[in-house]
C-alpha atoms as a PDB file:
ATOM      1  CA  UNK A   1      -2.920  17.750 -38.901  1.00  0.00           C
ATOM      2  CA  UNK A   2      -3.947  20.494 -36.442  1.00  0.00           C
ATOM      3  CA  UNK A   3      -2.200  19.209 -33.273  1.00  0.00           C
ATOM      4  CA  UNK A   4      -5.652  18.617 -31.850  1.00  0.00           C
ATOM      5  CA  UNK A   5      -6.199  15.394 -30.114  1.00  0.00           C
ATOM      6  CA  UNK A   6      -9.463  13.453 -29.743  1.00  0.00           C
ATOM      7  CA  UNK A   7     -11.272  13.588 -26.540  1.00  0.00           C
ATOM      8  CA  UNK A   8     -11.158  10.406 -24.034  1.00  0.00           C
ATOM      9  CA  UNK A   9     -13.605   7.759 -24.740  1.00  0.00           C
ATOM     10  CA  UNK A  10     -15.133   5.903 -21.273  1.00  0.00           C
ATOM     11  CA  UNK A  11     -15.350   2.877 -21.082  1.00  0.00           C
ATOM     12  CA  UNK A  12     -18.921   1.497 -21.032  1.00  0.00           C
ATOM     13  CA  UNK A  13     -19.849  -1.216 -18.472  1.00  0.00           C
ATOM     14  CA  UNK A  14     -19.748  -4.047 -21.311  1.00  0.00           C
ATOM     15  CA  UNK A  15     -16.440  -3.047 -21.912  1.00  0.00           C
ATOM     16  CA  UNK A  16     -15.305  -3.370 -17.879  1.00  0.00           C
ATOM     17  CA  UNK A  17     -16.785  -6.388 -18.040  1.00  0.00           C
ATOM     18  CA  UNK A  18     -14.797  -7.828 -21.127  1.00  0.00           C
ATOM     19  CA  UNK A  19     -11.829  -6.544 -20.211  1.00  0.00           C
ATOM     20  CA  UNK A  20     -12.254  -8.308 -16.721  1.00  0.00           C
ATOM     21  CA  UNK A  21     -13.226 -11.718 -18.325  1.00  0.00           C
ATOM     22  CA  UNK A  22     -10.281 -11.545 -20.697  1.00  0.00           C
ATOM     23  CA  UNK A  23      -7.522  -9.606 -17.960  1.00  0.00           C
ATOM     24  CA  UNK A  24      -8.365 -12.884 -15.403  1.00  0.00           C
ATOM     25  CA  UNK A  25      -8.160 -15.522 -17.918  1.00  0.00           C
ATOM     26  CA  UNK A  26      -4.984 -14.219 -19.062  1.00  0.00           C
ATOM     27  CA  UNK A  27      -3.424 -13.993 -15.724  1.00  0.00           C
ATOM     28  CA  UNK A  28      -5.020 -17.462 -14.664  1.00  0.00           C
ATOM     29  CA  UNK A  29      -3.303 -18.791 -18.018  1.00  0.00           C
ATOM     30  CA  UNK A  30       0.076 -17.233 -16.892  1.00  0.00           C
ATOM     31  CA  UNK A  31      -0.482 -19.068 -13.093  1.00  0.00           C
ATOM     32  CA  UNK A  32      -1.591 -22.051 -14.752  1.00  0.00           C
ATOM     33  CA  UNK A  33       2.078 -22.377 -17.255  1.00  0.00           C
ATOM     34  CA  UNK A  34       4.211 -21.490 -14.111  1.00  0.00           C
ATOM     35  CA  UNK A  35       2.401 -24.290 -11.837  1.00  0.00           C
ATOM     36  CA  UNK A  36       3.095 -26.808 -15.023  1.00  0.00           C
ATOM     37  CA  UNK A  37       6.264 -26.095 -14.942  1.00  0.00           C
ATOM     38  CA  UNK A  38       6.899 -25.812 -11.073  1.00  0.00           C
ATOM     39  CA  UNK A  39       8.445 -22.191 -10.781  1.00  0.00           C
ATOM     40  CA  UNK A  40       6.506 -18.857  -9.173  1.00  0.00           C
ATOM     41  CA  UNK A  41       6.267 -15.002  -9.471  1.00  0.00           C
ATOM     42  CA  UNK A  42       5.932 -12.426  -7.654  1.00  0.00           C
ATOM     43  CA  UNK A  43       2.767 -10.824  -6.200  1.00  0.00           C
ATOM     44  CA  UNK A  44       0.037 -13.148  -4.168  1.00  0.00           C
ATOM     45  CA  UNK A  45       0.032 -15.432  -6.878  1.00  0.00           C
ATOM     46  CA  UNK A  46       3.650 -15.673  -6.295  1.00  0.00           C
ATOM     47  CA  UNK A  47       2.264 -16.827  -2.564  1.00  0.00           C
ATOM     48  CA  UNK A  48      -0.314 -18.941  -4.128  1.00  0.00           C
ATOM     49  CA  UNK A  49       2.025 -21.028  -6.231  1.00  0.00           C
ATOM     50  CA  UNK A  50       4.992 -21.806  -3.400  1.00  0.00           C
ATOM     51  CA  UNK A  51       2.498 -22.408  -0.762  1.00  0.00           C
ATOM     52  CA  UNK A  52       0.566 -24.925  -3.404  1.00  0.00           C
ATOM     53  CA  UNK A  53       4.026 -26.708  -4.096  1.00  0.00           C
ATOM     54  CA  UNK A  54       3.877 -27.702   0.076  1.00  0.00           C
ATOM     55  CA  UNK A  55       0.468 -28.515   0.225  1.00  0.00           C
ATOM     56  CA  UNK A  56      -1.893 -30.768  -1.885  1.00  0.00           C
ATOM     57  CA  UNK A  57      -4.131 -27.293  -2.984  1.00  0.00           C
ATOM     58  CA  UNK A  58      -4.544 -25.639  -6.341  1.00  0.00           C
ATOM     59  CA  UNK A  59      -3.078 -22.328  -6.741  1.00  0.00           C
ATOM     60  CA  UNK A  60      -6.236 -20.886  -7.877  1.00  0.00           C
ATOM     61  CA  UNK A  61      -7.868 -21.892  -4.427  1.00  0.00           C
ATOM     62  CA  UNK A  62      -5.063 -20.540  -2.763  1.00  0.00           C
ATOM     63  CA  UNK A  63      -4.801 -17.320  -4.281  1.00  0.00           C
ATOM     64  CA  UNK A  64      -8.608 -16.484  -3.828  1.00  0.00           C
ATOM     65  CA  UNK A  65      -7.934 -17.517  -0.377  1.00  0.00           C
ATOM     66  CA  UNK A  66      -4.973 -15.077   0.370  1.00  0.00           C
ATOM     67  CA  UNK A  67      -6.756 -12.344  -1.383  1.00  0.00           C
ATOM     68  CA  UNK A  68      -9.896 -12.447   0.635  1.00  0.00           C
ATOM     69  CA  UNK A  69      -8.569  -9.330   3.107  1.00  0.00           C
ATOM     70  CA  UNK A  70      -7.544  -7.354   0.337  1.00  0.00           C
ATOM     71  CA  UNK A  71     -11.247  -7.768  -0.911  1.00  0.00           C
ATOM     72  CA  UNK A  72     -12.474  -5.688   2.406  1.00  0.00           C
ATOM     73  CA  UNK A  73      -8.820  -3.456   2.414  1.00  0.00           C
ATOM     74  CA  UNK A  74      -9.497  -2.295  -1.190  1.00  0.00           C
ATOM     75  CA  UNK A  75     -12.801  -1.412  -0.547  1.00  0.00           C
ATOM     76  CA  UNK A  76     -12.460   0.568   2.363  1.00  0.00           C
ATOM     77  CA  UNK A  77      -9.525   2.419   1.076  1.00  0.00           C
ATOM     78  CA  UNK A  78     -10.164   2.574  -2.853  1.00  0.00           C
ATOM     79  CA  UNK A  79     -13.885   2.340  -3.270  1.00  0.00           C
ATOM     80  CA  UNK A  80     -16.818   0.005  -3.980  1.00  0.00           C
ATOM     81  CA  UNK A  81     -16.270  -0.031  -7.525  1.00  0.00           C
ATOM     82  CA  UNK A  82     -12.606  -0.719  -7.523  1.00  0.00           C
ATOM     83  CA  UNK A  83     -13.336  -3.515  -4.831  1.00  0.00           C
ATOM     84  CA  UNK A  84     -16.040  -5.165  -6.940  1.00  0.00           C
ATOM     85  CA  UNK A  85     -14.071  -5.201 -10.394  1.00  0.00           C
ATOM     86  CA  UNK A  86     -10.772  -6.182  -8.454  1.00  0.00           C
ATOM     87  CA  UNK A  87     -13.015  -9.288  -7.007  1.00  0.00           C
ATOM     88  CA  UNK A  88     -14.408 -10.556 -10.471  1.00  0.00           C
ATOM     89  CA  UNK A  89     -11.497 -10.291 -11.696  1.00  0.00           C
ATOM     90  CA  UNK A  90      -9.822 -12.217  -9.358  1.00  0.00           C
ATOM     91  CA  UNK A  91     -12.700 -14.676  -9.445  1.00  0.00           C
ATOM     92  CA  UNK A  92     -12.187 -15.703 -13.090  1.00  0.00           C
ATOM     93  CA  UNK A  93      -8.339 -16.071 -12.668  1.00  0.00           C
ATOM     94  CA  UNK A  94      -8.466 -18.277  -9.987  1.00  0.00           C
ATOM     95  CA  UNK A  95     -11.278 -20.341 -11.317  1.00  0.00           C
ATOM     96  CA  UNK A  96      -8.999 -20.429 -14.608  1.00  0.00           C
ATOM     97  CA  UNK A  97      -6.166 -21.342 -12.451  1.00  0.00           C
ATOM     98  CA  UNK A  98      -7.777 -24.127 -11.219  1.00  0.00           C
ATOM     99  CA  UNK A  99      -9.726 -25.843 -13.572  1.00  0.00           C
ATOM    100  CA  UNK A 100      -7.072 -25.310 -16.989  1.00  0.00           C
ATOM    101  CA  UNK A 101      -5.505 -28.923 -15.514  1.00  0.00           C
ATOM    102  CA  UNK A 102      -8.902 -30.512 -16.555  1.00  0.00           C
ATOM    103  CA  UNK A 103      -9.457 -28.942 -19.459  1.00  0.00           C
ATOM    104  CA  UNK A 104      -5.939 -28.528 -21.171  1.00  0.00           C
ATOM    105  CA  UNK A 105      -3.691 -31.955 -20.798  1.00  0.00           C
ATOM    106  CA  UNK A 106      -0.010 -30.672 -20.458  1.00  0.00           C
ATOM    107  CA  UNK A 107       2.291 -33.365 -21.247  1.00  0.00           C
ATOM    108  CA  UNK A 108       5.848 -31.162 -21.128  1.00  0.00           C
ATOM    109  CA  UNK A 109       6.198 -27.681 -20.587  1.00  0.00           C
ATOM    110  CA  UNK A 110      10.050 -26.270 -21.090  1.00  0.00           C
ATOM    111  CA  UNK A 111      10.736 -24.391 -18.476  1.00  0.00           C
ATOM    112  CA  UNK A 112      12.426 -21.061 -20.325  1.00  0.00           C
ATOM    113  CA  UNK A 113       9.283 -21.061 -22.256  1.00  0.00           C
ATOM    114  CA  UNK A 114       7.094 -21.174 -19.417  1.00  0.00           C
ATOM    115  CA  UNK A 115       9.053 -18.308 -17.350  1.00  0.00           C
ATOM    116  CA  UNK A 116       9.084 -15.972 -20.749  1.00  0.00           C
ATOM    117  CA  UNK A 117       4.852 -16.616 -22.008  1.00  0.00           C
ATOM    118  CA  UNK A 118       3.812 -16.770 -18.884  1.00  0.00           C
ATOM    119  CA  UNK A 119       5.430 -13.376 -17.762  1.00  0.00           C
ATOM    120  CA  UNK A 120       3.861 -11.896 -20.978  1.00  0.00           C
ATOM    121  CA  UNK A 121       0.153 -13.353 -20.290  1.00  0.00           C
ATOM    122  CA  UNK A 122       0.005 -11.726 -16.892  1.00  0.00           C
ATOM    123  CA  UNK A 123       1.521  -9.167 -17.900  1.00  0.00           C
ATOM    124  CA  UNK A 124      -0.925  -8.456 -20.326  1.00  0.00           C
ATOM    125  CA  UNK A 125      -3.909  -9.251 -18.287  1.00  0.00           C
ATOM    126  CA  UNK A 126      -2.414  -6.762 -15.498  1.00  0.00           C
ATOM    127  CA  UNK A 127      -2.523  -4.068 -17.781  1.00  0.00           C
ATOM    128  CA  UNK A 128      -6.126  -4.861 -18.600  1.00  0.00           C
ATOM    129  CA  UNK A 129      -7.213  -5.152 -15.522  1.00  0.00           C
ATOM    130  CA  UNK A 130      -5.289  -1.824 -14.909  1.00  0.00           C
ATOM    131  CA  UNK A 131      -6.797   0.024 -17.853  1.00  0.00           C
ATOM    132  CA  UNK A 132      -9.927  -0.635 -16.637  1.00  0.00           C
ATOM    133  CA  UNK A 133      -9.590   0.314 -12.640  1.00  0.00           C
ATOM    134  CA  UNK A 134      -9.137  -3.446 -11.361  1.00  0.00           C
ATOM    135  CA  UNK A 135      -6.730  -5.771 -10.217  1.00  0.00           C
ATOM    136  CA  UNK A 136      -5.694  -8.625  -9.138  1.00  0.00           C
ATOM    137  CA  UNK A 137      -5.880  -7.822  -5.685  1.00  0.00           C
ATOM    138  CA  UNK A 138      -2.939  -8.463  -2.966  1.00  0.00           C
ATOM    139  CA  UNK A 139       0.442  -6.436  -2.808  1.00  0.00           C
ATOM    140  CA  UNK A 140      -1.018  -4.185  -5.998  1.00  0.00           C
ATOM    141  CA  UNK A 141      -3.989  -3.155  -3.960  1.00  0.00           C
ATOM    142  CA  UNK A 142      -1.507  -2.152  -0.995  1.00  0.00           C
ATOM    143  CA  UNK A 143       0.691  -0.726  -3.015  1.00  0.00           C
ATOM    144  CA  UNK A 144      -1.716   1.738  -4.500  1.00  0.00           C
ATOM    145  CA  UNK A 145      -3.344   2.363  -1.017  1.00  0.00           C
ATOM    146  CA  UNK A 146       0.759   3.566   0.011  1.00  0.00           C
ATOM    147  CA  UNK A 147       0.944   5.398  -2.894  1.00  0.00           C
ATOM    148  CA  UNK A 148      -2.044   7.629  -2.508  1.00  0.00           C
ATOM    149  CA  UNK A 149      -1.573   7.607   1.193  1.00  0.00           C
ATOM    150  CA  UNK A 150       2.316   8.258   1.568  1.00  0.00           C
ATOM    151  CA  UNK A 151       3.336   8.819  -1.466  1.00  0.00           C
ATOM    152  CA  UNK A 152       4.902   5.832  -1.882  1.00  0.00           C
ATOM    153  CA  UNK A 153       5.794   4.889  -5.766  1.00  0.00           C
ATOM    154  CA  UNK A 154       3.285   1.984  -6.163  1.00  0.00           C
ATOM    155  CA  UNK A 155       5.454   0.370  -8.645  1.00  0.00           C
ATOM    156  CA  UNK A 156       8.569   0.504  -6.146  1.00  0.00           C
ATOM    157  CA  UNK A 157       6.290  -0.837  -3.478  1.00  0.00           C
ATOM    158  CA  UNK A 158       5.191  -4.064  -5.384  1.00  0.00           C
ATOM    159  CA  UNK A 159       8.789  -4.462  -6.774  1.00  0.00           C
ATOM    160  CA  UNK A 160      10.453  -4.561  -3.379  1.00  0.00           C
ATOM    161  CA  UNK A 161       7.132  -7.149  -1.814  1.00  0.00           C
ATOM    162  CA  UNK A 162       7.669  -9.643  -5.256  1.00  0.00           C
ATOM    163  CA  UNK A 163      11.722  -8.954  -4.707  1.00  0.00           C
ATOM    164  CA  UNK A 164      11.106 -10.568  -0.627  1.00  0.00           C
ATOM    165  CA  UNK A 165       8.874 -13.534  -1.978  1.00  0.00           C
ATOM    166  CA  UNK A 166      10.850 -14.735  -4.740  1.00  0.00           C
ATOM    167  CA  UNK A 167      14.002 -14.714  -2.339  1.00  0.00           C
ATOM    168  CA  UNK A 168      11.492 -16.607  -0.423  1.00  0.00           C
ATOM    169  CA  UNK A 169      11.358 -18.807  -3.061  1.00  0.00           C
ATOM    170  CA  UNK A 170      14.972 -20.167  -1.951  1.00  0.00           C
ATOM    171  CA  UNK A 171      13.837 -22.216   0.425  1.00  0.00           C
ATOM    172  CA  UNK A 172      11.318 -24.349  -1.807  1.00  0.00           C
ATOM    173  CA  UNK A 173      13.263 -24.236  -5.345  1.00  0.00           C
ATOM    174  CA  UNK A 174      17.214 -24.659  -6.242  1.00  0.00           C
ATOM    175  CA  UNK A 175      18.837 -21.236  -7.824  1.00  0.00           C
ATOM    176  CA  UNK A 176      17.688 -22.071 -11.215  1.00  0.00           C
ATOM    177  CA  UNK A 177      14.091 -22.036 -10.478  1.00  0.00           C
ATOM    178  CA  UNK A 178      14.392 -19.149  -8.903  1.00  0.00           C
ATOM    179  CA  UNK A 179      16.732 -17.577 -11.722  1.00  0.00           C
ATOM    180  CA  UNK A 180      13.824 -18.360 -14.233  1.00  0.00           C
ATOM    181  CA  UNK A 181      11.190 -16.838 -11.496  1.00  0.00           C
ATOM    182  CA  UNK A 182      12.996 -14.106 -11.227  1.00  0.00           C
ATOM    183  CA  UNK A 183      13.127 -14.285 -15.606  1.00  0.00           C
ATOM    184  CA  UNK A 184       9.162 -14.515 -15.505  1.00  0.00           C
ATOM    185  CA  UNK A 185       8.719 -11.742 -13.320  1.00  0.00           C
ATOM    186  CA  UNK A 186      11.243  -9.330 -14.652  1.00  0.00           C
ATOM    187  CA  UNK A 187       9.141 -10.240 -18.086  1.00  0.00           C
ATOM    188  CA  UNK A 188       5.967  -9.236 -16.885  1.00  0.00           C
ATOM    189  CA  UNK A 189       6.960  -5.798 -15.189  1.00  0.00           C
ATOM    190  CA  UNK A 190       8.587  -4.975 -18.439  1.00  0.00           C
ATOM    191  CA  UNK A 191       5.125  -5.586 -20.269  1.00  0.00           C
ATOM    192  CA  UNK A 192       3.840  -3.473 -18.390  1.00  0.00           C
ATOM    193  CA  UNK A 193       6.996  -1.140 -17.925  1.00  0.00           C
ATOM    194  CA  UNK A 194       6.302  -0.335 -21.793  1.00  0.00           C
ATOM    195  CA  UNK A 195       2.796   0.253 -22.290  1.00  0.00           C
ATOM    196  CA  UNK A 196       1.655   1.282 -18.814  1.00  0.00           C
ATOM    197  CA  UNK A 197       2.690   4.723 -18.614  1.00  0.00           C
ATOM    198  CA  UNK A 198       0.837   8.343 -18.339  1.00  0.00           C
ATOM    199  CA  UNK A 199      -0.452   9.374 -21.457  1.00  0.00           C
ATOM    200  CA  UNK A 200       0.107   6.440 -23.371  1.00  0.00           C
ATOM    201  CA  UNK A 201      -3.625   5.640 -23.163  1.00  0.00           C
ATOM    202  CA  UNK A 202      -6.984   7.615 -22.449  1.00  0.00           C
ATOM    203  CA  UNK A 203      -9.397   5.595 -21.756  1.00  0.00           C
ATOM    204  CA  UNK A 204     -11.304   5.688 -18.669  1.00  0.00           C
END
């Protein structure tokens, strides 16, 4: 070995589309699993889940509605390419989360399993999207904007909002369900912390 590194290989549009579909579907499956278990998580998906327990509307539709202002914000601040990819990913997420109950009949879901597996699914979905310059919208868009304009680390901003959302779940859940929701969010963030680092992945 001569110590040289291979040049980064760019993504094609087909690569991007594949990642957007899979990443959005993974996240949608995670949201579906959380809803079946009666749990929540951080981000806009967590807000959508909490609201869905209070009103008879699918968390998938709520997720899309709550994201509408963030689409415009992303377009103006982070560029049209990022915004379009994010719209595609979130539409896939919302569609999967909405229609999975018609495709899969779930009789019983262990809440500990749901917390851990949904966190892993959402984390892997977000990871796939991030590596193709996209996101699941919501607070993530605001966090990236504040990082670019104010120098605030996006991870810390996201963590602060997630903590506030999970704290708000105390008004909807008992302490045990809040703890499991925190476990799900922690699992998701662990996936991202271990895999989404500078230099770990050179595709663009």
